[in-house]
C-alpha cells in the first residue's frame, strides 16, 4: 500500500457523494448481472427489472435459484 492510496473510509464517502463506479464481475445470463464498485468494493446485482441493488444473502440465494432454473430451461 503506497502513501498515495486513498483510505477505505474516504472511498466510501466518495461513493456517497459521486455515486458508485460499477464494473461487471459476473454476467450469468441476460437477466442476472453481478457488479462491484471499483472504489468501495461493495457488491451489487441487477434484478430482472434492470435495477441495481446490494447483493444481500437473500439475493445470493435468489441468483442461485435463477441460475439453476435457467440451466434447466436450456436443456
PDB file of N, CA and C in Angstrom:
ATOM      1  N   UNK A   1       0.852  -1.178   0.000  1.00  0.00           N
ATOM      2  CA  UNK A   1       0.000   0.000   0.000  1.00  0.00           C
ATOM      3  C   UNK A   1       0.899   1.243   0.000  1.00  0.00           C
ATOM      4  N   UNK A   2       0.745   2.057  -1.004  1.00  0.00           N
ATOM      5  CA  UNK A   2       1.577   3.254  -1.082  1.00  0.00           C
ATOM      6  C   UNK A   2       0.937   4.401  -0.311  1.00  0.00           C
ATOM      7  N   UNK A   3       1.711   5.451  -0.109  1.00  0.00           N
ATOM      8  CA  UNK A   3       1.206   6.574   0.668  1.00  0.00           C
ATOM      9  C   UNK A   3       0.169   7.392  -0.104  1.00  0.00           C
ATOM     10  N   UNK A   4       0.010   7.100  -1.409  1.00  0.00           N
ATOM     11  CA  UNK A   4      -0.960   7.835  -2.216  1.00  0.00           C
ATOM     12  C   UNK A   4      -2.314   7.145  -2.304  1.00  0.00           C
ATOM     13  N   UNK A   5      -2.450   5.955  -1.705  1.00  0.00           N
ATOM     14  CA  UNK A   5      -3.731   5.254  -1.704  1.00  0.00           C
ATOM     15  C   UNK A   5      -4.721   5.984  -0.807  1.00  0.00           C
ATOM     16  N   UNK A   6      -5.943   6.084  -1.288  1.00  0.00           N
ATOM     17  CA  UNK A   6      -6.997   6.720  -0.509  1.00  0.00           C
ATOM     18  C   UNK A   6      -7.552   5.686   0.468  1.00  0.00           C
ATOM     19  N   UNK A   7      -7.659   6.008   1.761  1.00  0.00           N
ATOM     20  CA  UNK A   7      -8.205   5.049   2.726  1.00  0.00           C
ATOM     21  C   UNK A   7      -9.624   4.634   2.364  1.00  0.00           C
ATOM     22  N   UNK A   8     -10.021   3.465   2.848  1.00  0.00           N
ATOM     23  CA  UNK A   8     -11.338   2.903   2.536  1.00  0.00           C
ATOM     24  C   UNK A   8     -12.473   3.838   2.948  1.00  0.00           C
ATOM     25  N   UNK A   9     -12.321   4.526   4.068  1.00  0.00           N
ATOM     26  CA  UNK A   9     -13.372   5.436   4.541  1.00  0.00           C
ATOM     27  C   UNK A   9     -13.580   6.568   3.539  1.00  0.00           C
ATOM     28  N   UNK A  10     -12.499   7.094   3.014  1.00  0.00           N
ATOM     29  CA  UNK A  10     -12.612   8.176   2.031  1.00  0.00           C
ATOM     30  C   UNK A  10     -13.252   7.674   0.741  1.00  0.00           C
ATOM     31  N   UNK A  11     -12.971   6.418   0.378  1.00  0.00           N
ATOM     32  CA  UNK A  11     -13.565   5.849  -0.829  1.00  0.00           C
ATOM     33  C   UNK A  11     -15.063   5.702  -0.683  1.00  0.00           C
ATOM     34  N   UNK A  12     -15.511   5.281   0.517  1.00  0.00           N
ATOM     35  CA  UNK A  12     -16.951   5.144   0.716  1.00  0.00           C
ATOM     36  C   UNK A  12     -17.628   6.505   0.733  1.00  0.00           C
ATOM     37  N   UNK A  13     -16.962   7.508   1.262  1.00  0.00           N
ATOM     38  CA  UNK A  13     -17.519   8.865   1.241  1.00  0.00           C
ATOM     39  C   UNK A  13     -17.594   9.361  -0.198  1.00  0.00           C
ATOM     40  N   UNK A  14     -16.584   9.056  -0.976  1.00  0.00           N
ATOM     41  CA  UNK A  14     -16.587   9.425  -2.387  1.00  0.00           C
ATOM     42  C   UNK A  14     -17.762   8.781  -3.117  1.00  0.00           C
ATOM     43  N   UNK A  15     -18.040   7.520  -2.789  1.00  0.00           N
ATOM     44  CA  UNK A  15     -19.185   6.839  -3.400  1.00  0.00           C
ATOM     45  C   UNK A  15     -20.501   7.478  -2.991  1.00  0.00           C
ATOM     46  N   UNK A  16     -20.594   7.916  -1.743  1.00  0.00           N
ATOM     47  CA  UNK A  16     -21.830   8.550  -1.284  1.00  0.00           C
ATOM     48  C   UNK A  16     -22.055   9.896  -1.960  1.00  0.00           C
ATOM     49  N   UNK A  17     -20.987  10.594  -2.268  1.00  0.00           N
ATOM     50  CA  UNK A  17     -21.109  11.910  -2.893  1.00  0.00           C
ATOM     51  C   UNK A  17     -21.324  11.793  -4.402  1.00  0.00           C
ATOM     52  N   UNK A  18     -20.426  11.081  -5.070  1.00  0.00           N
ATOM     53  CA  UNK A  18     -20.467  10.997  -6.533  1.00  0.00           C
ATOM     54  C   UNK A  18     -21.288   9.837  -7.058  1.00  0.00           C
ATOM     55  N   UNK A  19     -21.431   8.807  -6.271  1.00  0.00           N
ATOM     56  CA  UNK A  19     -22.102   7.597  -6.726  1.00  0.00           C
ATOM     57  C   UNK A  19     -21.070   6.509  -6.979  1.00  0.00           C
ATOM     58  N   UNK A  20     -21.554   5.292  -7.092  1.00  0.00           N
ATOM     59  CA  UNK A  20     -20.666   4.154  -7.261  1.00  0.00           C
ATOM     60  C   UNK A  20     -20.122   4.090  -8.685  1.00  0.00           C
ATOM     61  N   UNK A  21     -18.940   3.528  -8.807  1.00  0.00           N
ATOM     62  CA  UNK A  21     -18.301   3.310 -10.100  1.00  0.00           C
ATOM     63  C   UNK A  21     -18.332   1.803 -10.356  1.00  0.00           C
ATOM     64  N   UNK A  22     -19.349   1.338 -11.106  1.00  0.00           N
ATOM     65  CA  UNK A  22     -19.585  -0.085 -11.284  1.00  0.00           C
ATOM     66  C   UNK A  22     -18.664  -0.704 -12.328  1.00  0.00           C
ATOM     67  N   UNK A  23     -18.211  -1.931 -12.022  1.00  0.00           N
ATOM     68  CA  UNK A  23     -17.541  -2.769 -13.009  1.00  0.00           C
ATOM     69  C   UNK A  23     -18.231  -4.130 -12.959  1.00  0.00           C
ATOM     70  N   UNK A  24     -18.380  -4.776 -14.110  1.00  0.00           N
ATOM     71  CA  UNK A  24     -19.052  -6.059 -14.181  1.00  0.00           C
ATOM     72  C   UNK A  24     -18.129  -7.158 -13.681  1.00  0.00           C
ATOM     73  N   UNK A  25     -18.635  -7.938 -12.721  1.00  0.00           N
ATOM     74  CA  UNK A  25     -17.865  -9.038 -12.160  1.00  0.00           C
ATOM     75  C   UNK A  25     -18.271 -10.347 -12.827  1.00  0.00           C
ATOM     76  N   UNK A  26     -19.576 -10.559 -12.962  1.00  0.00           N
ATOM     77  CA  UNK A  26     -20.070 -11.816 -13.488  1.00  0.00           C
ATOM     78  C   UNK A  26     -21.399 -11.563 -14.177  1.00  0.00           C
ATOM     79  N   UNK A  27     -21.539 -12.095 -15.370  1.00  0.00           N
ATOM     80  CA  UNK A  27     -22.807 -11.988 -16.087  1.00  0.00           C
ATOM     81  C   UNK A  27     -23.240 -13.403 -16.445  1.00  0.00           C
ATOM     82  N   UNK A  28     -24.165 -13.962 -15.651  1.00  0.00           N
ATOM     83  CA  UNK A  28     -24.593 -15.342 -15.838  1.00  0.00           C
ATOM     84  C   UNK A  28     -25.444 -15.508 -17.090  1.00  0.00           C
ATOM     85  N   UNK A  29     -26.418 -14.642 -17.260  1.00  0.00           N
ATOM     86  CA  UNK A  29     -27.273 -14.679 -18.447  1.00  0.00           C
ATOM     87  C   UNK A  29     -27.820 -13.271 -18.671  1.00  0.00           C
ATOM     88  N   UNK A  30     -28.804 -13.143 -19.538  1.00  0.00           N
ATOM     89  CA  UNK A  30     -29.288 -11.798 -19.854  1.00  0.00           C
ATOM     90  C   UNK A  30     -30.061 -11.161 -18.702  1.00  0.00           C
ATOM     91  N   UNK A  31     -30.467 -11.957 -17.709  1.00  0.00           N
ATOM     92  CA  UNK A  31     -31.264 -11.416 -16.616  1.00  0.00           C
ATOM     93  C   UNK A  31     -30.449 -11.093 -15.372  1.00  0.00           C
ATOM     94  N   UNK A  32     -29.374 -11.839 -15.124  1.00  0.00           N
ATOM     95  CA  UNK A  32     -28.612 -11.678 -13.893  1.00  0.00           C
ATOM     96  C   UNK A  32     -27.222 -11.145 -14.196  1.00  0.00           C
ATOM     97  N   UNK A  33     -26.874 -10.063 -13.528  1.00  0.00           N
ATOM     98  CA  UNK A  33     -25.552  -9.462 -13.698  1.00  0.00           C
ATOM     99  C   UNK A  33     -25.044  -9.015 -12.332  1.00  0.00           C
ATOM    100  N   UNK A  34     -23.832  -9.446 -11.978  1.00  0.00           N
ATOM    101  CA  UNK A  34     -23.226  -9.042 -10.718  1.00  0.00           C
ATOM    102  C   UNK A  34     -22.185  -7.971 -11.014  1.00  0.00           C
ATOM    103  N   UNK A  35     -22.264  -6.876 -10.269  1.00  0.00           N
ATOM    104  CA  UNK A  35     -21.325  -5.779 -10.444  1.00  0.00           C
ATOM    105  C   UNK A  35     -20.694  -5.439  -9.104  1.00  0.00           C
ATOM    106  N   UNK A  36     -19.555  -4.780  -9.162  1.00  0.00           N
ATOM    107  CA  UNK A  36     -18.837  -4.388  -7.954  1.00  0.00           C
ATOM    108  C   UNK A  36     -18.402  -2.937  -8.117  1.00  0.00           C
ATOM    109  N   UNK A  37     -18.447  -2.179  -7.024  1.00  0.00           N
ATOM    110  CA  UNK A  37     -17.985  -0.802  -7.061  1.00  0.00           C
ATOM    111  C   UNK A  37     -16.461  -0.809  -7.073  1.00  0.00           C
ATOM    112  N   UNK A  38     -15.900  -0.065  -7.990  1.00  0.00           N
ATOM    113  CA  UNK A  38     -14.447  -0.007  -8.129  1.00  0.00           C
ATOM    114  C   UNK A  38     -13.796   0.663  -6.926  1.00  0.00           C
ATOM    115  N   UNK A  39     -14.508   1.579  -6.274  1.00  0.00           N
ATOM    116  CA  UNK A  39     -13.942   2.328  -5.154  1.00  0.00           C
ATOM    117  C   UNK A  39     -14.097   1.613  -3.816  1.00  0.00           C
ATOM    118  N   UNK A  40     -15.333   1.306  -3.432  1.00  0.00           N
ATOM    119  CA  UNK A  40     -15.580   0.772  -2.085  1.00  0.00           C
ATOM    120  C   UNK A  40     -15.670  -0.746  -2.047  1.00  0.00           C
ATOM    121  N   UNK A  41     -15.596  -1.418  -3.181  1.00  0.00           N
ATOM    122  CA  UNK A  41     -15.601  -2.884  -3.280  1.00  0.00           C
ATOM    123  C   UNK A  41     -16.889  -3.530  -2.796  1.00  0.00           C
ATOM    124  N   UNK A  42     -17.988  -2.783  -2.749  1.00  0.00           N
ATOM    125  CA  UNK A  42     -19.282  -3.382  -2.418  1.00  0.00           C
ATOM    126  C   UNK A  42     -19.802  -4.111  -3.636  1.00  0.00           C
ATOM    127  N   UNK A  43     -20.533  -5.206  -3.401  1.00  0.00           N
ATOM    128  CA  UNK A  43     -21.069  -5.999  -4.500  1.00  0.00           C
ATOM    129  C   UNK A  43     -22.550  -5.698  -4.665  1.00  0.00           C
ATOM    130  N   UNK A  44     -22.973  -5.640  -5.918  1.00  0.00           N
ATOM    131  CA  UNK A  44     -24.353  -5.352  -6.268  1.00  0.00           C
ATOM    132  C   UNK A  44     -24.806  -6.355  -7.315  1.00  0.00           C
ATOM    133  N   UNK A  45     -26.106  -6.460  -7.488  1.00  0.00           N
ATOM    134  CA  UNK A  45     -26.665  -7.335  -8.508  1.00  0.00           C
ATOM    135  C   UNK A  45     -27.827  -6.618  -9.177  1.00  0.00           C
ATOM    136  N   UNK A  46     -27.966  -6.856 -10.457  1.00  0.00           N
ATOM    137  CA  UNK A  46     -29.120  -6.301 -11.154  1.00  0.00           C
ATOM    138  C   UNK A  46     -30.210  -7.359 -11.166  1.00  0.00           C
ATOM    139  N   UNK A  47     -31.434  -6.911 -10.938  1.00  0.00           N
ATOM    140  CA  UNK A  47     -32.543  -7.856 -10.924  1.00  0.00           C
ATOM    141  C   UNK A  47     -33.154  -7.950 -12.315  1.00  0.00           C
ATOM    142  N   UNK A  48     -34.240  -8.657 -12.421  1.00  0.00           N
ATOM    143  CA  UNK A  48     -34.903  -8.863 -13.703  1.00  0.00           C
ATOM    144  C   UNK A  48     -35.475  -7.599 -14.307  1.00  0.00           C
ATOM    145  N   UNK A  49     -35.651  -6.569 -13.500  1.00  0.00           N
ATOM    146  CA  UNK A  49     -36.198  -5.304 -13.983  1.00  0.00           C
ATOM    147  C   UNK A  49     -35.116  -4.309 -14.375  1.00  0.00           C
ATOM    148  N   UNK A  50     -33.848  -4.691 -14.197  1.00  0.00           N
ATOM    149  CA  UNK A  50     -32.744  -3.815 -14.565  1.00  0.00           C
ATOM    150  C   UNK A  50     -32.284  -2.883 -13.466  1.00  0.00           C
ATOM    151  N   UNK A  51     -32.899  -2.985 -12.290  1.00  0.00           N
ATOM    152  CA  UNK A  51     -32.493  -2.154 -11.166  1.00  0.00           C
ATOM    153  C   UNK A  51     -31.302  -2.794 -10.460  1.00  0.00           C
ATOM    154  N   UNK A  52     -30.427  -1.982  -9.913  1.00  0.00           N
ATOM    155  CA  UNK A  52     -29.247  -2.475  -9.213  1.00  0.00           C
ATOM    156  C   UNK A  52     -29.426  -2.291  -7.723  1.00  0.00           C
ATOM    157  N   UNK A  53     -29.170  -3.369  -6.965  1.00  0.00           N
ATOM    158  CA  UNK A  53     -29.281  -3.321  -5.510  1.00  0.00           C
ATOM    159  C   UNK A  53     -28.132  -4.068  -4.874  1.00  0.00           C
ATOM    160  N   UNK A  54     -27.956  -3.856  -3.577  1.00  0.00           N
ATOM    161  CA  UNK A  54     -26.875  -4.531  -2.864  1.00  0.00           C
ATOM    162  C   UNK A  54     -27.075  -6.041  -2.912  1.00  0.00           C
ATOM    163  N   UNK A  55     -25.974  -6.745  -2.970  1.00  0.00           N
ATOM    164  CA  UNK A  55     -26.013  -8.201  -3.024  1.00  0.00           C
ATOM    165  C   UNK A  55     -26.076  -8.745  -1.597  1.00  0.00           C
ATOM    166  N   UNK A  56     -27.293  -8.904  -1.107  1.00  0.00           N
ATOM    167  CA  UNK A  56     -27.534  -9.416   0.236  1.00  0.00           C
ATOM    168  C   UNK A  56     -27.634 -10.941   0.176  1.00  0.00           C
ATOM    169  N   UNK A  57     -27.614 -11.619   1.320  1.00  0.00           N
ATOM    170  CA  UNK A  57     -27.775 -13.076   1.301  1.00  0.00           C
ATOM    171  C   UNK A  57     -29.070 -13.520   0.610  1.00  0.00           C
ATOM    172  N   UNK A  58     -30.122 -12.723   0.728  1.00  0.00           N
ATOM    173  CA  UNK A  58     -31.374 -13.028   0.038  1.00  0.00           C
ATOM    174  C   UNK A  58     -31.169 -13.069  -1.470  1.00  0.00           C
ATOM    175  N   UNK A  59     -30.467 -12.078  -2.015  1.00  0.00           N
ATOM    176  CA  UNK A  59     -30.250 -12.022  -3.447  1.00  0.00           C
ATOM    177  C   UNK A  59     -29.257 -13.071  -3.922  1.00  0.00           C
ATOM    178  N   UNK A  60     -28.300 -13.436  -3.071  1.00  0.00           N
ATOM    179  CA  UNK A  60     -27.371 -14.518  -3.431  1.00  0.00           C
ATOM    180  C   UNK A  60     -28.156 -15.811  -3.614  1.00  0.00           C
ATOM    181  N   UNK A  61     -29.064 -16.092  -2.682  1.00  0.00           N
ATOM    182  CA  UNK A  61     -29.894 -17.292  -2.773  1.00  0.00           C
ATOM    183  C   UNK A  61     -30.809 -17.240  -3.998  1.00  0.00           C
ATOM    184  N   UNK A  62     -31.401 -16.084  -4.255  1.00  0.00           N
ATOM    185  CA  UNK A  62     -32.259 -15.924  -5.431  1.00  0.00           C
ATOM    186  C   UNK A  62     -31.483 -16.127  -6.718  1.00  0.00           C
ATOM    187  N   UNK A  63     -30.272 -15.579  -6.792  1.00  0.00           N
ATOM    188  CA  UNK A  63     -29.466 -15.715  -8.001  1.00  0.00           C
ATOM    189  C   UNK A  63     -29.097 -17.172  -8.257  1.00  0.00           C
ATOM    190  N   UNK A  64     -28.826 -17.928  -7.193  1.00  0.00           N
ATOM    191  CA  UNK A  64     -28.543 -19.358  -7.357  1.00  0.00           C
ATOM    192  C   UNK A  64     -29.773 -20.077  -7.891  1.00  0.00           C
ATOM    193  N   UNK A  65     -30.938 -19.747  -7.346  1.00  0.00           N
ATOM    194  CA  UNK A  65     -32.188 -20.349  -7.823  1.00  0.00           C
ATOM    195  C   UNK A  65     -32.416 -20.044  -9.301  1.00  0.00           C
ATOM    196  N   UNK A  66     -32.255 -18.773  -9.692  1.00  0.00           N
ATOM    197  CA  UNK A  66     -32.466 -18.397 -11.086  1.00  0.00           C
ATOM    198  C   UNK A  66     -31.455 -19.058 -12.013  1.00  0.00           C
ATOM    199  N   UNK A  67     -30.225 -19.194 -11.562  1.00  0.00           N
ATOM    200  CA  UNK A  67     -29.192 -19.828 -12.370  1.00  0.00           C
ATOM    201  C   UNK A  67     -29.565 -21.280 -12.649  1.00  0.00           C
ATOM    202  N   UNK A  68     -30.010 -22.000 -11.605  1.00  0.00           N
ATOM    203  CA  UNK A  68     -30.433 -23.390 -11.775  1.00  0.00           C
ATOM    204  C   UNK A  68     -31.652 -23.464 -12.681  1.00  0.00           C
ATOM    205  N   UNK A  69     -32.595 -22.548 -12.483  1.00  0.00           N
ATOM    206  CA  UNK A  69     -33.819 -22.531 -13.295  1.00  0.00           C
ATOM    207  C   UNK A  69     -33.501 -22.337 -14.777  1.00  0.00           C
ATOM    208  N   UNK A  70     -32.634 -21.369 -15.084  1.00  0.00           N
ATOM    209  CA  UNK A  70     -32.314 -21.103 -16.479  1.00  0.00           C
ATOM    210  C   UNK A  70     -31.476 -22.222 -17.092  1.00  0.00           C
ATOM    211  N   UNK A  71     -30.668 -22.913 -16.290  1.00  0.00           N
ATOM    212  CA  UNK A  71     -29.915 -24.053 -16.802  1.00  0.00           C
ATOM    213  C   UNK A  71     -30.862 -25.186 -17.164  1.00  0.00           C
ATOM    214  N   UNK A  72     -31.908 -25.405 -16.360  1.00  0.00           N
ATOM    215  CA  UNK A  72     -32.892 -26.448 -16.664  1.00  0.00           C
ATOM    216  C   UNK A  72     -33.697 -26.088 -17.919  1.00  0.00           C
ATOM    217  N   UNK A  73     -33.982 -24.805 -18.110  1.00  0.00           N
ATOM    218  CA  UNK A  73     -34.741 -24.365 -19.279  1.00  0.00           C
ATOM    219  C   UNK A  73     -33.933 -24.551 -20.568  1.00  0.00           C
ATOM    220  N   UNK A  74     -32.615 -24.456 -20.462  1.00  0.00           N
ATOM    221  CA  UNK A  74     -31.761 -24.580 -21.649  1.00  0.00           C
ATOM    222  C   UNK A  74     -31.656 -26.011 -22.126  1.00  0.00           C
ATOM    223  N   UNK A  75     -31.929 -26.958 -21.233  1.00  0.00           N
ATOM    224  CA  UNK A  75     -31.814 -28.383 -21.603  1.00  0.00           C
ATOM    225  C   UNK A  75     -32.948 -28.821 -22.460  1.00  0.00           C
TER     226      UNK A  75
END
